[in-house]
């Protein structure tokens, strides 16, 4: 099964935010709380923060793309 390309920005946001939330949650929990009951705390943290991260990525990503285009230029020869 493949998803229609028109949904690519939403899928991109969902995957990017899920990956980022998972990595950041794991890092913060390990640093601050150690390995005791890690999986349960990591899962809870990820599930509760992803609904914030997902719409944030959907809103912020296009703005960041525009900013990057303004801050960069095509390579010129010479």
N, C-alpha and C. Protein backbone atom coordinates (compact mmCIF):
# COMPACT_ATOMS: atom_id res chain seq x y z
N UNK A 1 0.83 -1.18 0.00
CA UNK A 1 0.00 0.00 0.00
C UNK A 1 0.88 1.25 0.00
N UNK A 2 0.53 2.17 -0.86
CA UNK A 2 1.26 3.44 -0.92
C UNK A 2 0.28 4.57 -0.71
N UNK A 3 0.77 5.64 -0.15
CA UNK A 3 -0.04 6.82 0.14
C UNK A 3 0.14 7.80 -1.01
N UNK A 4 -0.93 8.47 -1.40
CA UNK A 4 -0.87 9.43 -2.50
C UNK A 4 0.12 10.54 -2.15
N UNK A 5 0.84 10.99 -3.17
CA UNK A 5 1.90 11.98 -2.99
C UNK A 5 1.41 13.30 -2.39
N UNK A 6 0.15 13.63 -2.58
CA UNK A 6 -0.36 14.90 -2.03
C UNK A 6 -0.32 14.92 -0.51
N UNK A 7 -0.22 13.74 0.10
CA UNK A 7 -0.13 13.65 1.56
C UNK A 7 1.32 13.63 2.06
N UNK A 8 2.26 13.81 1.16
CA UNK A 8 3.68 13.75 1.52
C UNK A 8 4.06 14.74 2.63
N UNK A 9 3.62 15.98 2.59
CA UNK A 9 4.00 16.90 3.68
C UNK A 9 3.48 16.46 5.06
N UNK A 10 2.29 15.88 5.09
CA UNK A 10 1.73 15.40 6.36
C UNK A 10 2.50 14.18 6.84
N UNK A 11 2.79 13.26 5.93
CA UNK A 11 3.57 12.07 6.28
C UNK A 11 4.97 12.47 6.74
N UNK A 12 5.58 13.43 6.03
CA UNK A 12 6.89 13.93 6.42
C UNK A 12 6.84 14.48 7.85
N UNK A 13 5.85 15.30 8.14
CA UNK A 13 5.71 15.87 9.49
C UNK A 13 5.48 14.81 10.55
N UNK A 14 4.66 13.83 10.23
CA UNK A 14 4.39 12.76 11.19
C UNK A 14 5.65 11.96 11.50
N UNK A 15 6.38 11.58 10.46
CA UNK A 15 7.59 10.77 10.67
C UNK A 15 8.69 11.58 11.35
N UNK A 16 8.92 12.79 10.87
CA UNK A 16 9.98 13.62 11.47
C UNK A 16 9.70 13.88 12.94
N UNK A 17 8.46 14.26 13.27
CA UNK A 17 8.14 14.57 14.65
C UNK A 17 8.20 13.32 15.53
N UNK A 18 7.75 12.19 15.02
CA UNK A 18 7.82 10.95 15.81
C UNK A 18 9.26 10.55 16.10
N UNK A 19 10.12 10.65 15.10
CA UNK A 19 11.53 10.30 15.28
C UNK A 19 12.20 11.26 16.27
N UNK A 20 11.97 12.56 16.08
CA UNK A 20 12.60 13.55 16.96
C UNK A 20 12.12 13.41 18.40
N UNK A 21 10.81 13.26 18.59
CA UNK A 21 10.27 13.11 19.94
C UNK A 21 10.82 11.85 20.60
N UNK A 22 10.91 10.77 19.87
CA UNK A 22 11.44 9.52 20.42
C UNK A 22 12.88 9.68 20.87
N UNK A 23 13.70 10.28 20.04
CA UNK A 23 15.12 10.44 20.36
C UNK A 23 15.32 11.41 21.53
N UNK A 24 14.65 12.55 21.48
CA UNK A 24 14.80 13.55 22.54
C UNK A 24 14.25 13.01 23.86
N UNK A 25 13.09 12.37 23.83
CA UNK A 25 12.52 11.81 25.06
C UNK A 25 13.46 10.78 25.67
N UNK A 26 13.99 9.90 24.85
CA UNK A 26 14.91 8.88 25.36
C UNK A 26 16.13 9.53 25.99
N UNK A 27 16.69 10.52 25.33
CA UNK A 27 17.88 11.19 25.85
C UNK A 27 17.62 11.87 27.19
N UNK A 28 16.53 12.62 27.26
CA UNK A 28 16.21 13.35 28.50
C UNK A 28 15.92 12.39 29.64
N UNK A 29 15.18 11.34 29.37
CA UNK A 29 14.87 10.37 30.43
C UNK A 29 16.13 9.67 30.92
N UNK A 30 16.99 9.25 30.00
CA UNK A 30 18.23 8.59 30.42
C UNK A 30 19.12 9.52 31.23
N UNK A 31 19.24 10.77 30.80
CA UNK A 31 20.10 11.72 31.51
C UNK A 31 19.55 12.06 32.89
N UNK A 32 18.25 12.32 32.96
CA UNK A 32 17.65 12.81 34.20
C UNK A 32 17.16 11.73 35.15
N UNK A 33 16.76 10.56 34.61
CA UNK A 33 16.13 9.56 35.47
C UNK A 33 16.79 8.18 35.40
N UNK A 34 17.73 7.99 34.51
CA UNK A 34 18.42 6.71 34.43
C UNK A 34 17.61 5.64 33.73
N UNK A 35 17.96 4.39 33.99
CA UNK A 35 17.37 3.27 33.26
C UNK A 35 16.23 2.57 33.98
N UNK A 36 15.95 2.94 35.22
CA UNK A 36 14.85 2.30 35.95
C UNK A 36 13.52 2.57 35.25
N UNK A 37 12.82 1.51 34.87
CA UNK A 37 11.51 1.61 34.20
C UNK A 37 11.58 2.50 32.96
N UNK A 38 12.71 2.42 32.25
CA UNK A 38 12.96 3.29 31.11
C UNK A 38 11.91 3.17 30.02
N UNK A 39 11.59 1.96 29.59
CA UNK A 39 10.67 1.75 28.46
C UNK A 39 9.31 2.37 28.74
N UNK A 40 8.78 2.13 29.92
CA UNK A 40 7.47 2.67 30.28
C UNK A 40 7.47 4.19 30.30
N UNK A 41 8.50 4.78 30.89
CA UNK A 41 8.58 6.24 30.96
C UNK A 41 8.82 6.85 29.58
N UNK A 42 9.64 6.17 28.78
CA UNK A 42 9.92 6.65 27.43
C UNK A 42 8.65 6.63 26.57
N UNK A 43 7.91 5.53 26.64
CA UNK A 43 6.68 5.40 25.88
C UNK A 43 5.68 6.49 26.30
N UNK A 44 5.50 6.67 27.58
CA UNK A 44 4.57 7.69 28.08
C UNK A 44 4.98 9.08 27.63
N UNK A 45 6.25 9.37 27.72
CA UNK A 45 6.76 10.68 27.30
C UNK A 45 6.54 10.91 25.81
N UNK A 46 6.82 9.90 25.02
CA UNK A 46 6.67 10.01 23.58
C UNK A 46 5.21 10.20 23.19
N UNK A 47 4.33 9.42 23.78
CA UNK A 47 2.91 9.50 23.46
C UNK A 47 2.31 10.84 23.87
N UNK A 48 2.78 11.41 24.96
CA UNK A 48 2.20 12.68 25.42
C UNK A 48 2.80 13.90 24.73
N UNK A 49 4.01 13.80 24.20
CA UNK A 49 4.61 14.97 23.55
C UNK A 49 4.46 14.98 22.03
N UNK A 50 4.25 13.82 21.41
CA UNK A 50 4.12 13.78 19.96
C UNK A 50 2.93 14.60 19.45
N UNK A 51 1.78 14.59 20.11
CA UNK A 51 0.68 15.44 19.62
C UNK A 51 0.99 16.94 19.61
N UNK A 52 1.98 17.35 20.34
CA UNK A 52 2.43 18.74 20.30
C UNK A 52 3.43 18.93 19.17
N UNK A 53 4.34 17.99 19.03
CA UNK A 53 5.40 18.10 18.03
C UNK A 53 4.87 17.99 16.60
N UNK A 54 3.91 17.13 16.37
CA UNK A 54 3.41 16.88 15.01
C UNK A 54 2.83 18.15 14.38
N UNK A 55 1.84 18.81 15.00
CA UNK A 55 1.34 20.03 14.36
C UNK A 55 2.38 21.15 14.32
N UNK A 56 3.29 21.16 15.28
CA UNK A 56 4.34 22.17 15.27
C UNK A 56 5.21 22.02 14.02
N UNK A 57 5.58 20.79 13.70
CA UNK A 57 6.39 20.55 12.49
C UNK A 57 5.60 20.94 11.24
N UNK A 58 4.31 20.62 11.21
CA UNK A 58 3.50 20.97 10.03
C UNK A 58 3.45 22.48 9.81
N UNK A 59 3.42 23.25 10.89
CA UNK A 59 3.36 24.70 10.78
C UNK A 59 4.74 25.31 10.53
N UNK A 60 5.74 24.81 11.23
CA UNK A 60 7.07 25.43 11.21
C UNK A 60 7.88 25.04 9.97
N UNK A 61 7.75 23.83 9.48
CA UNK A 61 8.58 23.36 8.36
C UNK A 61 8.48 24.26 7.13
N UNK A 62 7.28 24.65 6.69
CA UNK A 62 7.23 25.54 5.51
C UNK A 62 7.89 26.90 5.77
N UNK A 63 7.76 27.41 6.98
CA UNK A 63 8.39 28.68 7.33
C UNK A 63 9.91 28.56 7.31
N UNK A 64 10.42 27.45 7.81
CA UNK A 64 11.87 27.22 7.81
C UNK A 64 12.37 27.06 6.39
N UNK A 65 11.62 26.35 5.53
CA UNK A 65 12.03 26.21 4.13
C UNK A 65 12.14 27.58 3.45
N UNK A 66 11.16 28.46 3.68
CA UNK A 66 11.20 29.81 3.10
C UNK A 66 12.40 30.59 3.63
N UNK A 67 12.66 30.48 4.92
CA UNK A 67 13.80 31.18 5.52
C UNK A 67 15.11 30.68 4.92
N UNK A 68 15.23 29.37 4.77
CA UNK A 68 16.44 28.79 4.19
C UNK A 68 16.62 29.29 2.75
N UNK A 69 15.54 29.38 1.99
CA UNK A 69 15.64 29.87 0.61
C UNK A 69 16.10 31.32 0.58
N UNK A 70 15.69 32.12 1.55
CA UNK A 70 16.12 33.52 1.62
C UNK A 70 17.57 33.65 2.04
N UNK A 71 18.05 32.71 2.85
CA UNK A 71 19.41 32.78 3.37
C UNK A 71 20.45 32.11 2.47
N UNK A 72 19.98 31.42 1.45
CA UNK A 72 20.91 30.72 0.56
C UNK A 72 20.76 31.25 -0.86
N UNK A 73 21.73 30.93 -1.69
CA UNK A 73 21.70 31.37 -3.10
C UNK A 73 22.18 30.23 -3.98
N UNK A 74 21.78 30.29 -5.26
CA UNK A 74 22.28 29.33 -6.23
C UNK A 74 23.78 29.52 -6.35
N UNK A 75 24.50 28.44 -6.59
CA UNK A 75 25.94 28.55 -6.77
C UNK A 75 26.20 29.19 -8.13
N UNK A 76 27.05 30.20 -8.13
CA UNK A 76 27.40 30.86 -9.39
C UNK A 76 28.79 30.43 -9.82
N UNK A 77 28.99 30.36 -11.11
CA UNK A 77 30.31 29.97 -11.60
C UNK A 77 31.24 31.18 -11.56
N UNK A 78 32.49 30.90 -11.27
CA UNK A 78 33.46 31.97 -11.30
C UNK A 78 33.92 32.33 -10.00
